[in-house]
Protein backbone atom coordinates (compact mmCIF):
# COMPACT_ATOMS: atom_id res chain seq x y z
CA UNK A 1 13.48 -1.80 -6.26
CA UNK A 2 12.43 -5.11 -7.69
CA UNK A 3 9.02 -5.13 -5.67
CA UNK A 4 8.25 -1.51 -6.84
CA UNK A 5 9.32 -2.55 -10.35
CA UNK A 6 6.63 -5.24 -10.07
CA UNK A 7 3.92 -2.97 -8.93
CA UNK A 8 4.80 -0.63 -11.87
CA UNK A 9 4.67 -3.22 -14.40
CA UNK A 10 1.21 -4.42 -13.17
CA UNK A 11 0.15 -0.89 -13.21
CA UNK A 12 1.42 0.05 -16.51
CA UNK A 13 0.05 -3.10 -18.33
CA UNK A 14 -3.26 -2.93 -16.52
CA UNK A 15 -5.08 -0.49 -18.88
CA UNK A 16 -3.59 -2.38 -21.99
CA UNK A 17 -6.41 -4.87 -22.46
CA UNK A 18 -10.03 -4.11 -21.26
CA UNK A 19 -10.69 -7.70 -20.15
CA UNK A 20 -11.54 -8.79 -16.53
CA UNK A 21 -9.17 -11.63 -16.55
CA UNK A 22 -6.28 -9.39 -17.75
CA UNK A 23 -7.15 -6.84 -15.01
CA UNK A 24 -7.50 -9.33 -12.32
CA UNK A 25 -4.00 -10.67 -13.33
CA UNK A 26 -2.31 -7.38 -13.50
CA UNK A 27 -3.83 -6.55 -9.85
CA UNK A 28 -2.43 -9.92 -8.82
CA UNK A 29 1.16 -8.77 -9.89
CA UNK A 30 0.45 -5.39 -8.27
CA UNK A 31 -0.50 -7.07 -5.01
CA UNK A 32 2.68 -9.45 -5.02
CA UNK A 33 4.94 -6.44 -5.58
CA UNK A 34 3.15 -4.44 -2.94
CA UNK A 35 3.32 -7.23 -0.43
CA UNK A 36 7.01 -7.50 -1.11
CA UNK A 37 7.55 -3.84 -0.84
CA UNK A 38 5.80 -3.76 2.39
CA UNK A 39 7.90 -6.54 3.74
CA UNK A 40 11.13 -4.87 2.74
CA UNK A 41 10.05 -1.24 3.75
CA UNK A 42 9.02 -2.68 7.27
CA UNK A 43 12.42 -4.45 7.66
CA UNK A 44 14.14 -1.30 6.68
CA UNK A 45 11.89 1.02 8.99
CA UNK A 46 12.82 -1.14 11.98
CA UNK A 47 16.57 -0.59 11.86
CA UNK A 48 18.21 1.37 14.39
CA UNK A 49 17.54 2.95 18.01
CA UNK A 50 14.12 4.29 17.13
CA UNK A 51 12.64 1.22 15.51
CA UNK A 52 9.17 1.69 16.92
CA UNK A 53 8.95 5.15 15.55
CA UNK A 54 10.41 4.15 12.16
CA UNK A 55 7.64 1.38 12.01
CA UNK A 56 5.01 3.95 13.01
CA UNK A 57 6.20 6.40 10.25
CA UNK A 58 6.22 3.57 7.76
CA UNK A 59 2.82 2.65 8.51
CA UNK A 60 1.76 6.34 8.47
CA UNK A 61 3.31 6.64 5.00
CA UNK A 62 1.20 3.52 3.79
CA UNK A 63 -1.97 5.22 5.08
CA UNK A 64 -0.96 8.49 3.08
CA UNK A 65 -0.49 6.57 -0.12
CA UNK A 66 -3.91 4.82 0.30
CA UNK A 67 -5.46 8.05 1.34
CA UNK A 68 -4.19 10.08 -1.73
CA UNK A 69 -4.95 7.32 -3.97
CA UNK A 70 -8.55 7.28 -2.93
CA UNK A 71 -8.61 10.96 -3.18
CA UNK A 72 -7.21 11.59 -6.43
CA UNK A 73 -8.33 8.69 -8.41
CA UNK A 74 -11.83 9.88 -8.81
CA UNK A 75 -10.43 13.34 -10.14
CA UNK A 76 -8.18 11.49 -12.59
CA UNK A 77 -10.83 9.23 -13.82
CA UNK A 78 -13.19 12.29 -14.39
CA UNK A 79 -10.51 13.91 -16.34
CA UNK A 80 -8.91 10.99 -18.44
CA UNK A 81 -10.93 7.97 -18.14
CA UNK A 82 -10.10 4.66 -16.43
CA UNK A 83 -7.15 3.62 -18.76
CA UNK A 84 -5.43 6.83 -18.28
CA UNK A 85 -6.12 6.73 -14.53
CA UNK A 86 -4.33 3.28 -14.11
CA UNK A 87 -1.69 4.43 -16.35
CA UNK A 88 -0.83 7.31 -14.25
CA UNK A 89 -0.68 5.22 -11.11
CA UNK A 90 1.49 2.72 -13.00
CA UNK A 91 3.89 5.53 -14.08
CA UNK A 92 4.05 6.69 -10.65
CA UNK A 93 5.14 3.49 -9.40
CA UNK A 94 7.73 3.22 -12.23
CA UNK A 95 9.20 6.71 -11.00
CA UNK A 96 9.05 5.60 -7.53
CA UNK A 97 11.12 2.37 -8.48
CA UNK A 98 13.74 4.22 -10.25
CA UNK A 99 14.13 6.77 -7.40
CA UNK A 100 14.40 3.90 -4.99
CA UNK A 101 17.12 2.35 -7.23
CA UNK A 102 18.93 5.71 -7.53
CA UNK A 103 18.72 6.46 -3.74
CA UNK A 104 19.61 3.02 -2.44
CA UNK A 105 21.83 1.97 -5.35
CA UNK A 106 25.06 2.77 -3.42
CA UNK A 107 24.13 1.02 -0.30
CA UNK A 108 25.27 -2.55 0.21
CA UNK A 109 22.32 -4.93 0.98
CA UNK A 110 22.31 -5.77 4.76
CA UNK A 111 22.87 -9.62 5.25
CA UNK A 112 19.84 -11.40 6.66
CA UNK A 113 20.44 -13.05 10.11
CA UNK A 114 20.18 -16.76 9.76
CA UNK A 115 16.89 -18.07 11.19
CA UNK A 116 17.28 -20.47 14.15
CA UNK A 117 13.68 -21.13 14.83
CA UNK A 118 11.36 -23.21 12.90
CA UNK A 119 8.26 -21.61 11.09
CA UNK A 120 5.96 -23.85 13.26
CA UNK A 121 7.26 -22.11 16.34
CA UNK A 122 6.02 -18.76 14.99
CA UNK A 123 2.61 -19.97 14.49
CA UNK A 124 2.56 -21.23 18.12
CA UNK A 125 3.65 -17.83 19.57
CA UNK A 126 0.81 -15.91 21.28
CA UNK A 127 2.54 -12.74 20.96
CA UNK A 128 2.91 -13.00 17.19
CA UNK A 129 -0.78 -13.86 16.88
CA UNK A 130 -1.63 -10.78 19.14
CA UNK A 131 0.57 -8.38 16.90
CA UNK A 132 -1.05 -9.82 13.76
CA UNK A 133 -4.54 -9.16 15.20
CA UNK A 134 -3.51 -5.69 15.99
CA UNK A 135 -2.28 -4.92 12.59
CA UNK A 136 -5.30 -6.49 11.05
CA UNK A 137 -7.43 -4.26 13.03
CA UNK A 138 -5.65 -1.06 12.88
CA UNK A 139 -3.96 -1.15 9.51
CA UNK A 140 -5.32 -3.93 7.24
CA UNK A 141 -9.04 -3.64 8.14
CA UNK A 142 -9.12 0.16 7.87
CA UNK A 143 -7.29 0.10 4.65
CA UNK A 144 -9.78 -2.43 3.50
CA UNK A 145 -12.90 -0.68 4.43
CA UNK A 146 -12.04 2.95 3.65
CA UNK A 147 -12.41 2.58 -0.03
CA UNK A 148 -15.65 0.88 0.37
CA UNK A 149 -16.76 3.83 2.37
CA UNK A 150 -16.88 5.82 -0.70
CA UNK A 151 -19.20 3.10 -2.38
CA UNK A 152 -21.21 3.32 0.66
CA UNK A 153 -21.90 7.02 0.64
CA UNK A 154 -22.74 7.06 -2.98
CA UNK A 155 -25.22 4.29 -2.83
CA UNK A 156 -26.66 5.18 0.59
CA UNK A 157 -26.71 8.83 0.47
CA UNK A 158 -26.37 9.76 -3.19
CA UNK A 159 -23.25 11.85 -2.58
CA UNK A 160 -20.87 12.49 -5.56
CA UNK A 161 -17.79 10.34 -6.28
CA UNK A 162 -15.56 13.12 -5.50
CA UNK A 163 -17.18 14.04 -2.00
CA UNK A 164 -17.46 10.26 -1.20
CA UNK A 165 -13.98 9.49 -1.91
CA UNK A 166 -13.00 12.71 0.21
CA UNK A 167 -14.91 11.16 3.07
CA UNK A 168 -13.27 7.82 2.62
CA UNK A 169 -9.92 9.17 2.39
CA UNK A 170 -10.07 11.08 5.62
CA UNK A 171 -9.76 8.09 7.85
CA UNK A 172 -6.62 6.94 5.88
CA UNK A 173 -5.04 10.44 5.81
CA UNK A 174 -5.76 10.52 9.67
CA UNK A 175 -3.78 7.38 9.96
CA UNK A 176 -0.62 9.48 8.78
CA UNK A 177 -0.87 11.12 12.05
CA UNK A 178 -1.96 8.44 14.34
CA UNK A 179 0.21 5.43 13.21
CA UNK A 180 3.49 7.03 14.26
CA UNK A 181 1.90 7.85 17.71
CA UNK A 182 1.42 4.22 18.36
């Protein structure tokens, strides 16, 4: 709940002051909240007998969110301008945080298992490095490149913002199907 609330706070406050330092600060708050939400979500997704499928569905849901954001943002921008566009995404995060609180409010938090290993051991683990590289190539890099595809299509081919965003979102939305498959 708190991580989503941080995303919502950054998103709702972002259009308040049209200053680059303010916008970067709000995006930093959004990033911290999103990072915490990803960690919490991935921990919740790996519970139970079908942990691999749960993590795949979680990754696919992240791809859907990024794809829809890339797809819908240009339309919102065209209709309402940049401030209202950011306010809409902030309000959506606020709604999501309260839905999370409402849906998970009655569940007791699962106690974390005590860590017996040192963090230095994790950095020396070849399998953790390999998993990190796989996630970098399949999730992180894809989500970082897809929004820039829209800019590439606009500048290189002169396509409209809406069509360029649609083309960039296709890869992210396809991830919704391919992530759960492994």
